[in-house]
């Protein structure tokens, strides 16, 4: 009788031993984005039927490529294991937790810059030549952005206030299918280059600037806040209101606005009669800027007439 009882005990003990599994949790694991199954983050050995049940347990989720989460042994034992078997049937070994990362491709900063530069290129005015009139730089572009291994998409949107010069901002969206998984604001700079007027010699206050006094030089004007003169005709004939030094860039507010009409000049004088316009010649009685009203003398009759200066050497009878 004693032998029989002992045999029964050994029989059930053998069943109990056969129904056990060992779970060796990995310290780190890479998985596809989505549900995390225990078999992905651990080595599972033991009873085949129980191994099958335990292996398929969903023990967590990692939402998107590149994202990370931590799965702990206590969480698996305390919640997930008891849904399929007694905790005593599962023996844990290895790490106490597993850091899980969703698999992804990494987009380097250089690759991102190329994509961003291509979008900028498509938005710049066609008359500006890349590499000459403008240059692109993005020194703060993020490195190693996580993108899906398959089916991913990158969308680049420039700011609605895009001006094509100086500091700009782009929004980078990374899609997994039709779902946005990450969004990044990336600053970049568009460097602009133009011809500007540079003095070849000193010009004293009150002196008129002539063509021989300056030269046009190619220079970056990206962050230039002053109104620099960029066309020779905007400097020639104007008077310096302060002393100007050689190699100084000519700025608009350092020069007086040139007179549109000078005293003693012959001006074209226009007058409207009904639907007709009549033109005569007159002598300006004083120097004036465009928009000012001055007295002019009719060259045919000698009479003085009030007229408003409308442009270079032109005026209209009031």
Protein backbone atom coordinates (compact mmCIF):
# COMPACT_ATOMS: atom_id res chain seq x y z
CA UNK A 1 0.00 0.00 0.00
CA UNK A 2 2.82 2.37 0.91
CA UNK A 3 4.50 1.77 -2.43
CA UNK A 4 1.25 2.55 -4.23
CA UNK A 5 0.78 5.91 -2.48
CA UNK A 6 4.38 6.85 -3.12
CA UNK A 7 3.93 5.98 -6.78
CA UNK A 8 0.89 8.23 -7.07
CA UNK A 9 2.83 11.12 -5.50
CA UNK A 10 5.69 10.65 -7.93
CA UNK A 11 3.22 10.50 -10.83
CA UNK A 12 1.64 13.86 -9.97
CA UNK A 13 5.04 15.35 -9.26
CA UNK A 14 6.18 14.32 -12.71
CA UNK A 15 3.03 15.89 -14.25
CA UNK A 16 3.65 19.08 -12.31
CA UNK A 17 7.30 19.19 -13.44
CA UNK A 18 6.33 18.53 -17.05
CA UNK A 19 3.82 21.40 -16.96
CA UNK A 20 6.44 23.99 -16.07
CA UNK A 21 8.23 26.50 -18.28
CA UNK A 22 11.25 28.71 -17.72
CA UNK A 23 11.25 32.29 -19.02
CA UNK A 24 14.59 34.00 -19.50
CA UNK A 25 13.89 37.71 -19.99
CA UNK A 26 16.27 39.61 -22.29
CA UNK A 27 17.78 42.89 -21.11
CA UNK A 28 17.03 44.50 -24.50
CA UNK A 29 14.92 43.61 -27.51
CA UNK A 30 13.99 45.10 -30.88
CA UNK A 31 10.48 44.41 -32.16
CA UNK A 32 8.08 45.61 -34.84
CA UNK A 33 5.93 48.54 -33.74
CA UNK A 34 2.64 47.45 -32.14
CA UNK A 35 1.90 44.61 -29.74
CA UNK A 36 4.80 43.07 -27.81
CA UNK A 37 4.57 39.32 -27.28
CA UNK A 38 6.52 37.52 -24.59
CA UNK A 39 8.31 35.31 -27.10
CA UNK A 40 9.83 38.44 -28.65
CA UNK A 41 11.56 39.54 -25.47
CA UNK A 42 12.36 36.23 -23.75
CA UNK A 43 13.59 32.69 -24.29
CA UNK A 44 10.86 30.25 -23.22
CA UNK A 45 11.50 26.52 -22.59
CA UNK A 46 9.57 23.66 -21.03
CA UNK A 47 6.22 21.98 -21.55
CA UNK A 48 5.30 22.46 -25.23
CA UNK A 49 1.62 23.21 -24.66
CA UNK A 50 2.33 25.71 -21.92
CA UNK A 51 5.21 27.25 -23.90
CA UNK A 52 2.75 27.87 -26.72
CA UNK A 53 0.27 29.56 -24.37
CA UNK A 54 2.88 31.70 -22.66
CA UNK A 55 4.76 32.65 -25.83
CA UNK A 56 1.79 34.38 -27.42
CA UNK A 57 1.00 36.55 -24.41
CA UNK A 58 0.74 40.25 -25.27
CA UNK A 59 2.74 41.90 -22.49
CA UNK A 60 2.82 45.48 -23.76
CA UNK A 61 2.83 47.78 -26.77
CA UNK A 62 5.30 50.11 -28.43
CA UNK A 63 3.40 52.63 -30.48
CA UNK A 64 5.72 53.65 -33.30
CA UNK A 65 9.11 52.99 -34.92
CA UNK A 66 11.91 54.27 -32.74
CA UNK A 67 9.75 54.44 -29.61
CA UNK A 68 10.83 52.61 -26.43
CA UNK A 69 9.13 50.99 -23.46
CA UNK A 70 10.16 48.86 -20.48
CA UNK A 71 8.54 45.50 -19.66
CA UNK A 72 9.22 44.27 -16.10
CA UNK A 73 9.25 40.73 -14.76
CA UNK A 74 6.84 41.72 -11.98
CA UNK A 75 4.31 43.07 -14.46
CA UNK A 76 4.44 39.88 -16.52
CA UNK A 77 4.11 37.63 -13.47
CA UNK A 78 1.54 39.76 -11.69
CA UNK A 79 -0.87 40.33 -14.54
CA UNK A 80 -0.21 38.48 -17.79
CA UNK A 81 0.89 34.99 -16.66
CA UNK A 82 -2.14 34.41 -14.45
CA UNK A 83 -4.41 34.81 -17.47
CA UNK A 84 -3.19 31.47 -18.88
CA UNK A 85 -1.72 29.47 -15.98
CA UNK A 86 -0.68 29.54 -12.36
CA UNK A 87 2.33 31.71 -11.65
CA UNK A 88 3.98 28.72 -9.95
CA UNK A 89 4.17 26.97 -13.33
CA UNK A 90 6.41 29.68 -14.76
CA UNK A 91 9.94 30.19 -13.50
CA UNK A 92 11.67 33.44 -14.42
CA UNK A 93 15.40 33.77 -15.04
CA UNK A 94 17.62 36.42 -16.58
CA UNK A 95 17.00 40.17 -16.42
CA UNK A 96 14.38 41.72 -14.17
CA UNK A 97 13.16 43.95 -16.98
CA UNK A 98 13.51 44.29 -20.74
CA UNK A 99 13.95 47.63 -22.58
CA UNK A 100 12.03 47.25 -25.82
CA UNK A 101 12.58 49.39 -28.94
CA UNK A 102 10.38 49.35 -32.03
CA UNK A 103 12.48 48.64 -35.10
CA UNK A 104 13.09 51.59 -37.42
CA UNK A 105 15.32 53.08 -40.04
CA UNK A 106 17.34 56.09 -38.98
CA UNK A 107 17.30 59.25 -41.06
CA UNK A 108 20.65 61.02 -40.73
CA UNK A 109 21.00 64.79 -40.43
CA UNK A 110 22.66 64.91 -43.86
CA UNK A 111 19.79 63.01 -45.47
CA UNK A 112 17.24 65.26 -43.78
CA UNK A 113 19.12 68.37 -44.97
CA UNK A 114 19.01 67.12 -48.57
CA UNK A 115 15.25 66.57 -48.37
CA UNK A 116 14.73 69.98 -46.78
CA UNK A 117 17.00 71.72 -49.29
CA UNK A 118 15.05 70.17 -52.16
CA UNK A 119 11.80 71.59 -50.74
CA UNK A 120 13.39 75.02 -50.26
CA UNK A 121 14.72 74.93 -53.82
CA UNK A 122 11.20 74.41 -55.17
CA UNK A 123 9.95 77.50 -53.29
CA UNK A 124 12.72 79.96 -54.15
CA UNK A 125 12.20 82.51 -56.95
CA UNK A 126 13.28 81.09 -60.31
CA UNK A 127 15.44 84.14 -61.08
CA UNK A 128 17.71 83.45 -58.09
CA UNK A 129 20.55 81.01 -58.71
CA UNK A 130 21.34 78.50 -55.98
CA UNK A 131 24.98 78.60 -54.92
CA UNK A 132 25.34 82.17 -56.17
CA UNK A 133 22.36 84.27 -55.13
CA UNK A 134 21.45 82.03 -52.21
CA UNK A 135 22.81 79.17 -50.13
CA UNK A 136 21.09 76.78 -47.72
CA UNK A 137 22.29 75.67 -44.28
CA UNK A 138 20.64 73.76 -41.43
CA UNK A 139 23.23 73.42 -38.64
CA UNK A 140 20.62 72.36 -36.07
CA UNK A 141 18.98 69.59 -38.12
CA UNK A 142 18.25 66.58 -35.83
CA UNK A 143 20.26 63.42 -36.41
CA UNK A 144 18.97 59.83 -36.63
CA UNK A 145 15.23 60.46 -36.81
CA UNK A 146 13.39 57.16 -36.51
CA UNK A 147 11.29 56.22 -39.56
CA UNK A 148 9.37 53.00 -40.32
CA UNK A 149 11.34 50.22 -41.97
CA UNK A 150 8.48 49.72 -44.43
CA UNK A 151 5.67 51.95 -45.65
CA UNK A 152 7.05 55.11 -44.07
CA UNK A 153 6.71 58.61 -45.50
CA UNK A 154 8.31 61.98 -44.72
CA UNK A 155 6.39 65.20 -45.33
CA UNK A 156 8.12 68.59 -45.22
CA UNK A 157 6.13 71.81 -44.86
CA UNK A 158 7.77 75.24 -44.97
CA UNK A 159 6.31 78.04 -42.86
CA UNK A 160 3.40 79.98 -44.45
CA UNK A 161 5.53 83.07 -43.75
CA UNK A 162 8.43 81.72 -45.83
CA UNK A 163 10.42 84.69 -47.20
CA UNK A 164 13.42 82.97 -48.72
CA UNK A 165 15.98 84.88 -46.68
CA UNK A 166 17.47 84.56 -43.20
CA UNK A 167 16.17 82.33 -40.41
CA UNK A 168 13.31 80.07 -41.53
CA UNK A 169 11.42 77.12 -40.03
CA UNK A 170 10.12 73.83 -41.46
CA UNK A 171 7.83 71.19 -39.98
CA UNK A 172 8.91 67.58 -40.58
CA UNK A 173 6.20 64.93 -40.21
CA UNK A 174 7.01 61.21 -40.25
CA UNK A 175 4.20 58.86 -41.22
CA UNK A 176 3.67 55.16 -40.65
CA UNK A 177 1.14 54.53 -43.40
CA UNK A 178 -1.43 57.30 -42.94
CA UNK A 179 -0.62 57.87 -39.27
CA UNK A 180 1.73 60.62 -38.08
CA UNK A 181 4.17 59.05 -35.62
CA UNK A 182 6.43 62.04 -34.98
CA UNK A 183 6.64 65.74 -35.73
CA UNK A 184 9.72 67.96 -35.65
CA UNK A 185 10.29 71.70 -36.06
CA UNK A 186 13.59 72.20 -37.86
CA UNK A 187 15.23 75.65 -38.19
CA UNK A 188 17.32 76.49 -41.24
CA UNK A 189 18.95 79.53 -42.83
CA UNK A 190 18.85 80.87 -46.38
CA UNK A 191 21.92 83.01 -46.99
CA UNK A 192 21.35 85.71 -49.62
CA UNK A 193 24.04 87.45 -51.71
CA UNK A 194 23.70 90.67 -53.72
CA UNK A 195 25.68 93.50 -55.27
CA UNK A 196 25.95 96.44 -52.85
CA UNK A 197 27.61 99.85 -53.09
CA UNK A 198 30.98 100.17 -51.30
CA UNK A 199 32.89 103.46 -51.11
CA UNK A 200 36.29 103.59 -52.80
CA UNK A 201 37.30 106.78 -51.00
CA UNK A 202 36.22 109.10 -48.20
CA UNK A 203 33.28 111.40 -48.90
CA UNK A 204 32.88 114.53 -46.78
CA UNK A 205 29.60 115.75 -45.41
CA UNK A 206 27.79 117.87 -48.00
CA UNK A 207 29.65 116.35 -50.96
CA UNK A 208 27.75 114.85 -53.85
CA UNK A 209 28.38 111.15 -54.55
CA UNK A 210 29.56 110.41 -58.07
CA UNK A 211 29.98 107.20 -60.02
CA UNK A 212 33.72 107.29 -59.37
CA UNK A 213 33.26 107.35 -55.58
CA UNK A 214 32.00 103.77 -55.11
CA UNK A 215 32.01 100.30 -56.59
CA UNK A 216 29.47 97.48 -56.60
CA UNK A 217 30.67 94.41 -54.65
CA UNK A 218 29.15 90.93 -54.25
CA UNK A 219 28.39 90.35 -50.59
CA UNK A 220 26.12 88.44 -48.22
CA UNK A 221 23.16 90.57 -47.12
CA UNK A 222 21.21 87.93 -45.16
CA UNK A 223 21.15 89.62 -41.79
CA UNK A 224 21.82 93.17 -42.94
CA UNK A 225 19.24 95.37 -41.22
CA UNK A 226 20.28 98.63 -42.86
CA UNK A 227 18.87 99.76 -46.20
CA UNK A 228 22.00 99.27 -48.27
CA UNK A 229 22.14 100.79 -51.73
CA UNK A 230 22.03 98.00 -54.32
CA UNK A 231 21.77 100.01 -57.55
CA UNK A 232 24.26 102.67 -58.71
CA UNK A 233 21.48 105.03 -59.78
CA UNK A 234 20.24 105.14 -56.18
CA UNK A 235 23.52 106.74 -55.08
CA UNK A 236 24.76 108.88 -57.97
CA UNK A 237 23.91 112.57 -57.56
CA UNK A 238 22.91 112.32 -53.91
CA UNK A 239 24.57 114.31 -51.13
CA UNK A 240 26.22 112.86 -48.03
CA UNK A 241 24.57 114.05 -44.81
CA UNK A 242 27.56 112.83 -42.76
CA UNK A 243 31.20 111.99 -43.33
CA UNK A 244 31.56 108.64 -45.12
CA UNK A 245 34.71 106.52 -45.03
CA UNK A 246 36.42 104.43 -47.65
CA UNK A 247 35.30 100.73 -47.69
CA UNK A 248 32.04 101.67 -45.95
CA UNK A 249 28.83 100.31 -47.42
CA UNK A 250 26.57 103.05 -48.72
CA UNK A 251 23.25 103.14 -46.91
CA UNK A 252 20.19 105.06 -47.99
CA UNK A 253 19.80 107.17 -44.85
CA UNK A 254 23.40 108.48 -45.16
CA UNK A 255 22.45 110.34 -48.34
CA UNK A 256 19.85 112.97 -49.08
CA UNK A 257 17.14 112.11 -51.57
CA UNK A 258 18.14 113.61 -54.92
CA UNK A 259 16.08 116.49 -56.24
CA UNK A 260 13.71 115.52 -59.01
CA UNK A 261 13.91 119.11 -60.30
CA UNK A 262 16.76 121.57 -59.74
CA UNK A 263 16.50 125.35 -59.72
CA UNK A 264 17.09 126.74 -63.21
CA UNK A 265 16.46 123.40 -64.95
CA UNK A 266 14.13 123.15 -67.90
CA UNK A 267 11.19 120.94 -66.95
CA UNK A 268 8.45 119.37 -68.98
CA UNK A 269 5.23 120.99 -67.80
CA UNK A 270 1.96 119.14 -68.40
CA UNK A 271 -1.57 120.50 -68.20
CA UNK A 272 -4.87 118.72 -68.76
CA UNK A 273 -7.73 120.34 -70.68
CA UNK A 274 -10.76 118.09 -70.82
CA UNK A 275 -9.57 114.83 -72.34
CA UNK A 276 -6.43 116.39 -73.78
CA UNK A 277 -2.99 116.85 -72.25
CA UNK A 278 -0.78 119.74 -73.31
CA UNK A 279 2.98 119.89 -72.76
CA UNK A 280 5.17 122.98 -72.65
CA UNK A 281 8.64 123.78 -71.34
CA UNK A 282 9.18 125.81 -68.18
CA UNK A 283 12.03 126.90 -65.91
CA UNK A 284 12.08 125.65 -62.31
CA UNK A 285 12.20 128.58 -59.88
CA UNK A 286 13.65 126.36 -57.09
CA UNK A 287 14.91 122.84 -56.45
CA UNK A 288 12.28 120.33 -55.34
CA UNK A 289 11.67 116.67 -54.57
CA UNK A 290 9.01 114.59 -56.25
CA UNK A 291 5.57 115.49 -54.86
CA UNK A 292 6.51 119.07 -53.94
CA UNK A 293 4.73 122.10 -55.43
CA UNK A 294 6.95 124.85 -56.85
CA UNK A 295 6.71 127.87 -59.11
CA UNK A 296 7.84 127.41 -62.71
CA UNK A 297 8.16 130.07 -65.43
CA UNK A 298 6.53 129.48 -68.81
CA UNK A 299 9.34 129.83 -71.35
CA UNK A 300 6.96 131.18 -74.00
CA UNK A 301 5.01 133.75 -71.98
CA UNK A 302 7.35 134.38 -69.05
CA UNK A 303 4.48 133.90 -66.59
CA UNK A 304 4.94 131.97 -63.34
CA UNK A 305 2.73 128.95 -62.73
CA UNK A 306 2.34 126.68 -59.72
CA UNK A 307 3.06 123.01 -60.55
CA UNK A 308 3.60 119.75 -58.67
CA UNK A 309 6.79 117.81 -59.41
CA UNK A 310 5.75 114.37 -60.73
CA UNK A 311 9.11 112.84 -61.62
CA UNK A 312 12.61 113.53 -62.83
CA UNK A 313 12.39 116.82 -64.79
CA UNK A 314 8.58 116.74 -64.95
CA UNK A 315 5.71 118.61 -63.31
CA UNK A 316 1.93 119.05 -63.68
CA UNK A 317 0.02 122.31 -63.52
CA UNK A 318 -2.12 122.45 -60.38
